[in-house]
C-alpha cells in the first residue's frame, strides 16, 4: 500500500528539514542529501533519526533514478 498524497505533502526529514523521496517499493522515505532511509512500517513513516539507516552507493543510485519516486514536502 502507498502513503496518501496529503501525508506525503507534509513530510520532511527530521534532521535537515528538507524534502524526502518516497519509494513505494521498497517502502522507504529517502534523504539523498544525507543518504539515509527511513522505514515505513504498516503505512506509518518512522522518521526517527536513530532508526534511519545509511544506504549504499548502489541503493542511492537506484533510489534517485527511480521514476516512481515521489518527492515529499510539496503541494501537489
C-alpha atoms as a PDB file:
ATOM      1  CA  UNK A   1       0.000   0.000   0.000  1.00  0.00           C
ATOM      2  CA  UNK A   2       1.234   3.533  -0.707  1.00  0.00           C
ATOM      3  CA  UNK A   3       1.101   6.554   1.527  1.00  0.00           C
ATOM      4  CA  UNK A   4      -1.559   9.194   0.909  1.00  0.00           C
ATOM      5  CA  UNK A   5      -0.523  12.307  -1.040  1.00  0.00           C
ATOM      6  CA  UNK A   6      -1.827  14.527   1.760  1.00  0.00           C
ATOM      7  CA  UNK A   7       0.594  12.915   4.222  1.00  0.00           C
ATOM      8  CA  UNK A   8       3.487  12.990   1.765  1.00  0.00           C
ATOM      9  CA  UNK A   9       2.946  16.725   1.246  1.00  0.00           C
ATOM     10  CA  UNK A  10       3.609  17.264   4.963  1.00  0.00           C
ATOM     11  CA  UNK A  11       6.660  15.064   5.471  1.00  0.00           C
ATOM     12  CA  UNK A  12      10.233  16.281   5.687  1.00  0.00           C
ATOM     13  CA  UNK A  13      13.473  14.942   7.090  1.00  0.00           C
ATOM     14  CA  UNK A  14      13.543  15.427  10.874  1.00  0.00           C
ATOM     15  CA  UNK A  15      17.240  16.379  10.830  1.00  0.00           C
ATOM     16  CA  UNK A  16      17.718  18.767   7.893  1.00  0.00           C
ATOM     17  CA  UNK A  17      14.008  19.692   7.482  1.00  0.00           C
ATOM     18  CA  UNK A  18      14.158  19.219   3.724  1.00  0.00           C
ATOM     19  CA  UNK A  19      12.015  17.074   1.389  1.00  0.00           C
ATOM     20  CA  UNK A  20      12.464  13.332   1.107  1.00  0.00           C
ATOM     21  CA  UNK A  21      11.838  10.862  -1.698  1.00  0.00           C
ATOM     22  CA  UNK A  22       9.084   8.327  -1.131  1.00  0.00           C
ATOM     23  CA  UNK A  23       9.674   4.980  -2.791  1.00  0.00           C
ATOM     24  CA  UNK A  24       6.650   2.722  -2.620  1.00  0.00           C
ATOM     25  CA  UNK A  25       8.963  -0.230  -3.270  1.00  0.00           C
ATOM     26  CA  UNK A  26      10.969  -0.812  -1.021  1.00  0.00           C
ATOM     27  CA  UNK A  27       8.535   1.295   1.065  1.00  0.00           C
ATOM     28  CA  UNK A  28      11.035   3.853   2.401  1.00  0.00           C
ATOM     29  CA  UNK A  29      11.452   7.590   2.683  1.00  0.00           C
ATOM     30  CA  UNK A  30      14.910   8.539   1.421  1.00  0.00           C
ATOM     31  CA  UNK A  31      17.035  11.613   2.036  1.00  0.00           C
ATOM     32  CA  UNK A  32      19.539  11.802  -0.850  1.00  0.00           C
ATOM     33  CA  UNK A  33      21.461  14.653   0.794  1.00  0.00           C
ATOM     34  CA  UNK A  34      22.202  12.679   3.964  1.00  0.00           C
ATOM     35  CA  UNK A  35      21.997   9.264   2.228  1.00  0.00           C
ATOM     36  CA  UNK A  36      19.724   7.776   4.861  1.00  0.00           C
ATOM     37  CA  UNK A  37      16.492   5.830   4.500  1.00  0.00           C
ATOM     38  CA  UNK A  38      13.584   5.769   6.916  1.00  0.00           C
ATOM     39  CA  UNK A  39      11.326   2.725   7.002  1.00  0.00           C
ATOM     40  CA  UNK A  40       7.590   2.871   6.503  1.00  0.00           C
ATOM     41  CA  UNK A  41       6.052   0.220   8.777  1.00  0.00           C
ATOM     42  CA  UNK A  42       2.389  -0.677   8.457  1.00  0.00           C
ATOM     43  CA  UNK A  43       1.913   2.531   6.418  1.00  0.00           C
ATOM     44  CA  UNK A  44       3.415   4.639   9.227  1.00  0.00           C
ATOM     45  CA  UNK A  45       6.586   6.616   8.409  1.00  0.00           C
ATOM     46  CA  UNK A  46       9.216   6.006  11.083  1.00  0.00           C
ATOM     47  CA  UNK A  47      11.054   9.337  10.947  1.00  0.00           C
ATOM     48  CA  UNK A  48      13.277   8.791  13.959  1.00  0.00           C
ATOM     49  CA  UNK A  49      16.917   9.770  13.345  1.00  0.00           C
ATOM     50  CA  UNK A  50      18.121   6.819  15.446  1.00  0.00           C
ATOM     51  CA  UNK A  51      16.140   4.409  13.253  1.00  0.00           C
ATOM     52  CA  UNK A  52      17.428   5.742   9.907  1.00  0.00           C
ATOM     53  CA  UNK A  53      19.807   3.520   8.009  1.00  0.00           C
ATOM     54  CA  UNK A  54      22.695   4.572   5.799  1.00  0.00           C
ATOM     55  CA  UNK A  55      22.282   3.426   2.197  1.00  0.00           C
ATOM     56  CA  UNK A  56      24.959   2.054  -0.098  1.00  0.00           C
ATOM     57  CA  UNK A  57      26.118   3.831  -3.244  1.00  0.00           C
ATOM     58  CA  UNK A  58      24.178   1.260  -5.284  1.00  0.00           C
ATOM     59  CA  UNK A  59      20.948   1.950  -3.367  1.00  0.00           C
ATOM     60  CA  UNK A  60      21.491   5.707  -3.665  1.00  0.00           C
ATOM     61  CA  UNK A  61      21.731   5.414  -7.455  1.00  0.00           C
ATOM     62  CA  UNK A  62      18.677   3.174  -7.626  1.00  0.00           C
ATOM     63  CA  UNK A  63      16.593   5.395  -5.322  1.00  0.00           C
ATOM     64  CA  UNK A  64      17.482   8.690  -7.006  1.00  0.00           C
ATOM     65  CA  UNK A  65      16.911   7.325 -10.528  1.00  0.00           C
ATOM     66  CA  UNK A  66      13.604   5.627  -9.752  1.00  0.00           C
ATOM     67  CA  UNK A  67      10.982   7.310 -11.976  1.00  0.00           C
ATOM     68  CA  UNK A  68       8.265   6.329  -9.480  1.00  0.00           C
ATOM     69  CA  UNK A  69       9.983   8.155  -6.578  1.00  0.00           C
ATOM     70  CA  UNK A  70       7.755  10.915  -5.286  1.00  0.00           C
ATOM     71  CA  UNK A  71       9.174  13.983  -3.503  1.00  0.00           C
ATOM     72  CA  UNK A  72       7.618  14.876  -0.167  1.00  0.00           C
ATOM     73  CA  UNK A  73       7.004  18.265   1.357  1.00  0.00           C
ATOM     74  CA  UNK A  74       5.493  19.672  -1.828  1.00  0.00           C
ATOM     75  CA  UNK A  75       1.983  20.802  -2.587  1.00  0.00           C
ATOM     76  CA  UNK A  76       0.567  18.528  -5.276  1.00  0.00           C
END
